[in-house]
Amino acid sequence: MALYTTEAILLEVRNWGEADKMLQLFSRARGRIRAAAFGCRRPKSPLSGALQLFNRLEITLTEGERVDTVRQASVRQRFPSLTNDLTAMAYASFVAELLLELTPEGDPDEKLYDWLPNVLSACGPRNPRLVALIAGYQLLAFAGVGFKLEECCRCGRPVEAEGAFSVSEGGALCASCAGETIGSRPYPDSLREFLLLLSSLDWQAPAAFTAKKDDLIAAETFLLGGLYHLLGKNLKSLGFIRQLAG
């Protein structure tokens, strides 16, 4: 069985057995990886300190038929806000879970990999709820299933005044097509501009912006509705977020 080393961010950790963990990592060279870390929960394990959620690692694994096995790991970057701030951790978990849902195993994407640490770094210093909202729209675009924001989903014409938005149709609708669609929602210019800003925001040099409360609520409603329509389920991290809010 081949041994390999890659850089990866730990996005899911589950205890397994008495002393082991099952992991999901997103790596630069191999994309999403499932791995087992045997004995890592023992106090004297050299892996125990490194294999903490959201750590950016240099990790060595052995290839396996179903899951790979962790041999060594060292921390390259930690995200302190995701350890000290429960709300930041909850919204980062949403981003991590969505990324894992949208990326196939063994399919590397260096652009997406380089995007992720900037998003995790922003959770805490910036409003985690807004960070997760922006990240959600951008992840859908990375996966090729993003909403159409400027052209009608049905006829392809530019959407201007009196347009609408339909989660089930995949985004914007022109005035003509909106009248034929059950359940479409208003799509004013301010909301369209806000969604375009979210989708194009550069995490390395994020521009300051303001948004209307109604546009923020609509953007979140569209995102969560779109995810349920796409995945056929609610993300588990949403339950964690609701518990904190409740």
Foldseek 3Di string as FASTA:
>chain_A
DDKDKFKWFWQDWDDDDDAKIWTWIATQQFGIATEIEPRLRDPPDQNVVQNDHGFTWTWMWADDPPHIYTDDIDGPDDQVCLVVPLLLVLLLSLLSLVLVVLDDGRDHDNVVVVVSVLLSNCRRVDPSVLSSLLSLQQSCVVSVLHADLQAALPPRHGADPCWWFDLLSRTIHHNVVVVVDPPTGTDHPLLSVVSVLSNPADSVDGDDDDHDPVSVVVSVVSSQSNVCSVVVDGDPSVVVNVVVVD
